[in-house]
Amino acid sequence: MEKTLKVINGLLENGLIKNYAIGGGIAAVFYIEPILTYDIDIFFVPDEKNEGLLPLSPVYEYLKKRGYSPEKEHIVIEGIPVQFLPVFDELIEEAVNEAVQIHYKSTRVRVMKMEYLIAIMLQTNRQKDRNRVIKAVSEAEIDRNLLDNILDRFNLKEKFERILEMYNAE
């Protein structure tokens, strides 16, 4: 995975993207016990010249020139499927901009904070996301003030409380 992360960092270093953060299941693994996940989700802010209808084109062109091929919605980098997702709303953009730098072996990577991951899981609201919210709350060290602030600003507090109530009722 370290080789894959170095290639992703190359997108930032070469100016193809302005910013990025690992999200989804792989990001959660930095905070909680491992969960089953298939790919690495990379949320990114496109470079200004690449915004608009085709923000993925420069990323895919760069990676294709380096021998990496698309497979369905992923690009396989060093054997690992990676899904590149341009920021598409205020919550995701804030999560990318507020990401923390973490070392994976000798490679620095940007990872979304757990509080933002919880908010995104609530926003997405799939069954596996609701289960991961419970796992995150029970296993991760969470800054409750930050989480409450995010949930309030993005109107997710009620959804969070309902999930906790359902979990506590079982």
C-alpha atoms as a PDB file:
ATOM      1  CA  MET A   1       0.000   0.000   0.000  1.00  0.00           C
ATOM      2  CA  GLU A   2       2.909   2.368   0.631  1.00  0.00           C
ATOM      3  CA  LYS A   3       3.830   2.402  -3.081  1.00  0.00           C
ATOM      4  CA  THR A   4       0.222   3.264  -3.924  1.00  0.00           C
ATOM      5  CA  LEU A   5       0.226   6.148  -1.442  1.00  0.00           C
ATOM      6  CA  LYS A   6       3.479   7.509  -2.897  1.00  0.00           C
ATOM      7  CA  VAL A   7       1.896   7.583  -6.360  1.00  0.00           C
ATOM      8  CA  ILE A   8      -1.123   9.428  -4.935  1.00  0.00           C
ATOM      9  CA  ASN A   9       1.177  11.961  -3.260  1.00  0.00           C
ATOM     10  CA  GLY A  10       2.748  12.469  -6.694  1.00  0.00           C
ATOM     11  CA  LEU A  11      -0.554  13.881  -7.953  1.00  0.00           C
ATOM     12  CA  LEU A  12      -0.319  16.616  -5.326  1.00  0.00           C
ATOM     13  CA  GLU A  13       3.384  17.228  -5.841  1.00  0.00           C
ATOM     14  CA  ASN A  14       2.881  17.572  -9.623  1.00  0.00           C
ATOM     15  CA  GLY A  15       0.014  20.057  -9.237  1.00  0.00           C
ATOM     16  CA  LEU A  16      -2.707  17.839 -10.689  1.00  0.00           C
ATOM     17  CA  ILE A  17      -4.764  18.259  -7.524  1.00  0.00           C
ATOM     18  CA  LYS A  18      -4.774  21.025  -4.898  1.00  0.00           C
ATOM     19  CA  ASN A  19      -5.474  18.816  -1.927  1.00  0.00           C
ATOM     20  CA  TYR A  20      -6.611  15.298  -1.043  1.00  0.00           C
ATOM     21  CA  ALA A  21      -7.538  13.065   1.858  1.00  0.00           C
ATOM     22  CA  ILE A  22      -8.098   9.368   2.261  1.00  0.00           C
ATOM     23  CA  GLY A  23     -11.707   8.716   3.230  1.00  0.00           C
ATOM     24  CA  GLY A  24     -13.959   5.690   3.532  1.00  0.00           C
ATOM     25  CA  GLY A  25     -13.036   2.368   5.062  1.00  0.00           C
ATOM     26  CA  ILE A  26      -9.259   2.733   4.715  1.00  0.00           C
ATOM     27  CA  ALA A  27      -9.355   6.074   6.565  1.00  0.00           C
ATOM     28  CA  ALA A  28     -11.397   4.481   9.345  1.00  0.00           C
ATOM     29  CA  VAL A  29      -8.692   1.831   9.811  1.00  0.00           C
ATOM     30  CA  PHE A  30      -6.367   4.563  11.084  1.00  0.00           C
ATOM     31  CA  TYR A  31      -8.779   5.053  14.023  1.00  0.00           C
ATOM     32  CA  ILE A  32     -10.647   1.788  14.672  1.00  0.00           C
ATOM     33  CA  GLU A  33     -10.157  -1.963  14.321  1.00  0.00           C
ATOM     34  CA  PRO A  34      -9.848  -3.014  10.660  1.00  0.00           C
ATOM     35  CA  ILE A  35     -13.019  -3.317   8.636  1.00  0.00           C
ATOM     36  CA  LEU A  36     -13.630  -5.043   5.336  1.00  0.00           C
ATOM     37  CA  THR A  37     -12.994  -2.662   2.460  1.00  0.00           C
ATOM     38  CA  TYR A  38     -12.135  -3.192  -1.174  1.00  0.00           C
ATOM     39  CA  ASP A  39     -10.407   0.004  -2.220  1.00  0.00           C
ATOM     40  CA  ILE A  40      -8.854   3.299  -1.205  1.00  0.00           C
ATOM     41  CA  ASP A  41     -11.171   6.299  -1.549  1.00  0.00           C
ATOM     42  CA  ILE A  42      -9.273   9.464  -2.412  1.00  0.00           C
ATOM     43  CA  PHE A  43     -11.329  12.621  -2.108  1.00  0.00           C
ATOM     44  CA  PHE A  44      -9.594  15.505  -3.827  1.00  0.00           C
ATOM     45  CA  VAL A  45      -9.850  19.184  -4.620  1.00  0.00           C
ATOM     46  CA  PRO A  46      -9.080  19.634  -8.328  1.00  0.00           C
ATOM     47  CA  ASP A  47      -6.531  22.179  -9.447  1.00  0.00           C
ATOM     48  CA  GLU A  48      -8.308  25.351 -10.664  1.00  0.00           C
ATOM     49  CA  LYS A  49      -7.381  24.665 -14.266  1.00  0.00           C
ATOM     50  CA  ASN A  50      -8.897  21.174 -13.979  1.00  0.00           C
ATOM     51  CA  GLU A  51     -12.211  22.109 -12.340  1.00  0.00           C
ATOM     52  CA  GLY A  52     -15.439  21.816 -14.269  1.00  0.00           C
ATOM     53  CA  LEU A  53     -16.873  18.857 -16.099  1.00  0.00           C
ATOM     54  CA  LEU A  54     -13.766  16.664 -16.266  1.00  0.00           C
ATOM     55  CA  PRO A  55     -11.748  16.985 -13.038  1.00  0.00           C
ATOM     56  CA  LEU A  56     -10.709  13.313 -13.268  1.00  0.00           C
ATOM     57  CA  SER A  57      -9.167  13.555 -16.752  1.00  0.00           C
ATOM     58  CA  PRO A  58      -5.744  14.958 -15.736  1.00  0.00           C
ATOM     59  CA  VAL A  59      -5.519  12.437 -12.877  1.00  0.00           C
ATOM     60  CA  TYR A  60      -6.318   9.493 -15.148  1.00  0.00           C
ATOM     61  CA  GLU A  61      -3.970  10.758 -17.895  1.00  0.00           C
ATOM     62  CA  TYR A  62      -1.105  11.173 -15.423  1.00  0.00           C
ATOM     63  CA  LEU A  63      -1.625   7.691 -13.996  1.00  0.00           C
ATOM     64  CA  LYS A  64      -2.121   6.062 -17.409  1.00  0.00           C
ATOM     65  CA  LYS A  65       1.244   7.469 -18.575  1.00  0.00           C
ATOM     66  CA  ARG A  66       2.804   5.731 -15.583  1.00  0.00           C
ATOM     67  CA  GLY A  67       1.288   2.371 -16.518  1.00  0.00           C
ATOM     68  CA  TYR A  68      -1.760   2.287 -14.245  1.00  0.00           C
ATOM     69  CA  SER A  69      -5.042   1.148 -15.741  1.00  0.00           C
ATOM     70  CA  PRO A  70      -8.669   1.884 -15.000  1.00  0.00           C
ATOM     71  CA  GLU A  71     -10.960  -0.957 -13.950  1.00  0.00           C
ATOM     72  CA  LYS A  72     -14.593   0.076 -13.671  1.00  0.00           C
ATOM     73  CA  GLU A  73     -14.696   3.091 -11.300  1.00  0.00           C
ATOM     74  CA  HIS A  74     -11.153   2.482 -10.011  1.00  0.00           C
ATOM     75  CA  ILE A  75      -7.605   2.896 -11.163  1.00  0.00           C
ATOM     76  CA  VAL A  76      -5.390   0.062 -10.018  1.00  0.00           C
ATOM     77  CA  ILE A  77      -2.171   1.500  -8.587  1.00  0.00           C
ATOM     78  CA  GLU A  78       0.501  -0.953  -7.504  1.00  0.00           C
ATOM     79  CA  GLY A  79      -2.161  -3.668  -7.309  1.00  0.00           C
ATOM     80  CA  ILE A  80      -4.608  -1.695  -5.172  1.00  0.00           C
ATOM     81  CA  PRO A  81      -7.913  -0.324  -6.537  1.00  0.00           C
ATOM     82  CA  VAL A  82      -8.176   3.424  -5.922  1.00  0.00           C
ATOM     83  CA  GLN A  83     -11.319   5.465  -6.441  1.00  0.00           C
ATOM     84  CA  PHE A  84     -10.747   9.170  -7.039  1.00  0.00           C
ATOM     85  CA  LEU A  85     -13.683  11.341  -5.985  1.00  0.00           C
ATOM     86  CA  PRO A  86     -13.642  15.095  -6.612  1.00  0.00           C
ATOM     87  CA  VAL A  87     -15.120  17.016  -3.673  1.00  0.00           C
ATOM     88  CA  PHE A  88     -18.814  17.395  -4.380  1.00  0.00           C
ATOM     89  CA  ASP A  89     -20.246  19.212  -1.386  1.00  0.00           C
ATOM     90  CA  GLU A  90     -19.242  21.461   1.506  1.00  0.00           C
ATOM     91  CA  LEU A  91     -18.903  18.626   4.026  1.00  0.00           C
ATOM     92  CA  ILE A  92     -16.489  16.651   1.841  1.00  0.00           C
ATOM     93  CA  GLU A  93     -14.480  19.757   0.968  1.00  0.00           C
ATOM     94  CA  GLU A  94     -14.151  20.695   4.635  1.00  0.00           C
ATOM     95  CA  ALA A  95     -13.198  17.112   5.525  1.00  0.00           C
ATOM     96  CA  VAL A  96     -10.406  17.198   2.929  1.00  0.00           C
ATOM     97  CA  ASN A  97      -9.164  20.606   4.029  1.00  0.00           C
ATOM     98  CA  GLU A  98      -9.190  19.626   7.722  1.00  0.00           C
ATOM     99  CA  ALA A  99      -7.526  16.230   7.187  1.00  0.00           C
ATOM    100  CA  VAL A 100      -4.568  15.254   9.324  1.00  0.00           C
ATOM    101  CA  GLN A 101      -1.183  14.123   8.121  1.00  0.00           C
ATOM    102  CA  ILE A 102      -0.326  10.618   9.240  1.00  0.00           C
ATOM    103  CA  HIS A 103       2.639   8.429   8.467  1.00  0.00           C
ATOM    104  CA  TYR A 104       2.025   5.095   6.836  1.00  0.00           C
ATOM    105  CA  LYS A 105       5.423   3.462   7.217  1.00  0.00           C
ATOM    106  CA  SER A 106       7.739   6.143   5.799  1.00  0.00           C
ATOM    107  CA  THR A 107       5.093   7.904   3.681  1.00  0.00           C
ATOM    108  CA  ARG A 108       3.090  10.916   4.816  1.00  0.00           C
ATOM    109  CA  VAL A 109      -0.566  10.763   3.840  1.00  0.00           C
ATOM    110  CA  ARG A 110      -3.592  12.923   4.464  1.00  0.00           C
ATOM    111  CA  VAL A 111      -6.461  11.166   6.247  1.00  0.00           C
ATOM    112  CA  MET A 112      -9.880  12.552   7.121  1.00  0.00           C
ATOM    113  CA  LYS A 113     -10.492  13.028  10.835  1.00  0.00           C
ATOM    114  CA  MET A 114     -12.801  10.465  12.414  1.00  0.00           C
ATOM    115  CA  GLU A 115     -15.370  13.161  13.231  1.00  0.00           C
ATOM    116  CA  TYR A 116     -15.702  13.996   9.525  1.00  0.00           C
ATOM    117  CA  LEU A 117     -15.812  10.322   8.582  1.00  0.00           C
ATOM    118  CA  ILE A 118     -18.744   9.870  10.951  1.00  0.00           C
ATOM    119  CA  ALA A 119     -20.555  12.852   9.422  1.00  0.00           C
ATOM    120  CA  ILE A 120     -19.964  11.535   5.900  1.00  0.00           C
ATOM    121  CA  MET A 121     -21.206   8.077   6.913  1.00  0.00           C
ATOM    122  CA  LEU A 122     -24.349   9.704   8.307  1.00  0.00           C
ATOM    123  CA  GLN A 123     -24.809  11.703   5.130  1.00  0.00           C
ATOM    124  CA  THR A 124     -24.343   8.615   2.926  1.00  0.00           C
ATOM    125  CA  ASN A 125     -26.598   6.586   5.260  1.00  0.00           C
ATOM    126  CA  ARG A 126     -26.048   3.098   3.838  1.00  0.00           C
ATOM    127  CA  GLN A 127     -26.507   0.191   6.253  1.00  0.00           C
ATOM    128  CA  LYS A 128     -22.762  -0.463   6.342  1.00  0.00           C
ATOM    129  CA  ASP A 129     -22.206   3.226   7.133  1.00  0.00           C
ATOM    130  CA  ARG A 130     -24.668   3.156  10.024  1.00  0.00           C
ATOM    131  CA  ASN A 131     -22.860   0.070  11.380  1.00  0.00           C
ATOM    132  CA  ARG A 132     -19.515   1.854  11.002  1.00  0.00           C
ATOM    133  CA  VAL A 133     -20.840   4.871  12.910  1.00  0.00           C
ATOM    134  CA  ILE A 134     -21.561   2.610  15.878  1.00  0.00           C
ATOM    135  CA  LYS A 135     -18.128   0.981  15.562  1.00  0.00           C
ATOM    136  CA  ALA A 136     -16.459   4.407  15.388  1.00  0.00           C
ATOM    137  CA  VAL A 137     -18.289   5.734  18.433  1.00  0.00           C
ATOM    138  CA  SER A 138     -17.432   2.658  20.483  1.00  0.00           C
ATOM    139  CA  GLU A 139     -13.774   2.313  19.403  1.00  0.00           C
ATOM    140  CA  ALA A 140     -12.313   5.643  18.306  1.00  0.00           C
ATOM    141  CA  GLU A 141     -11.152   8.590  20.348  1.00  0.00           C
ATOM    142  CA  ILE A 142     -13.582  11.251  19.216  1.00  0.00           C
ATOM    143  CA  ASP A 143     -13.535  14.959  19.875  1.00  0.00           C
ATOM    144  CA  ARG A 144     -17.207  15.322  20.826  1.00  0.00           C
ATOM    145  CA  ASN A 145     -17.120  19.118  20.574  1.00  0.00           C
ATOM    146  CA  LEU A 146     -15.812  18.917  17.010  1.00  0.00           C
ATOM    147  CA  LEU A 147     -18.256  16.150  16.102  1.00  0.00           C
ATOM    148  CA  ASP A 148     -21.230  18.057  17.559  1.00  0.00           C
ATOM    149  CA  ASN A 149     -20.147  21.187  15.690  1.00  0.00           C
ATOM    150  CA  ILE A 150     -19.931  19.319  12.373  1.00  0.00           C
ATOM    151  CA  LEU A 151     -23.225  17.498  12.921  1.00  0.00           C
ATOM    152  CA  ASP A 152     -24.998  20.761  13.825  1.00  0.00           C
ATOM    153  CA  ARG A 153     -23.657  22.685  10.835  1.00  0.00           C
ATOM    154  CA  PHE A 154     -24.521  19.941   8.345  1.00  0.00           C
ATOM    155  CA  ASN A 155     -27.893  19.027   9.887  1.00  0.00           C
ATOM    156  CA  LEU A 156     -26.874  15.491  10.812  1.00  0.00           C
ATOM    157  CA  LYS A 157     -27.339  15.542  14.587  1.00  0.00           C
ATOM    158  CA  GLU A 158     -30.834  14.028  14.541  1.00  0.00           C
ATOM    159  CA  LYS A 159     -29.703  11.175  12.287  1.00  0.00           C
ATOM    160  CA  PHE A 160     -26.739  10.518  14.610  1.00  0.00           C
ATOM    161  CA  GLU A 161     -28.970  10.427  17.676  1.00  0.00           C
ATOM    162  CA  ARG A 162     -31.426   8.021  15.984  1.00  0.00           C
ATOM    163  CA  ILE A 163     -28.612   5.610  15.134  1.00  0.00           C
ATOM    164  CA  LEU A 164     -27.324   5.741  18.715  1.00  0.00           C
ATOM    165  CA  GLU A 165     -30.846   5.167  20.060  1.00  0.00           C
ATOM    166  CA  MET A 166     -31.354   2.139  17.795  1.00  0.00           C
ATOM    167  CA  TYR A 167     -27.983   0.735  18.864  1.00  0.00           C
ATOM    168  CA  ASN A 168     -28.671   1.301  22.565  1.00  0.00           C
ATOM    169  CA  ALA A 169     -32.135  -0.305  22.240  1.00  0.00           C
ATOM    170  CA  GLU A 170     -30.609  -3.610  21.071  1.00  0.00           C
END
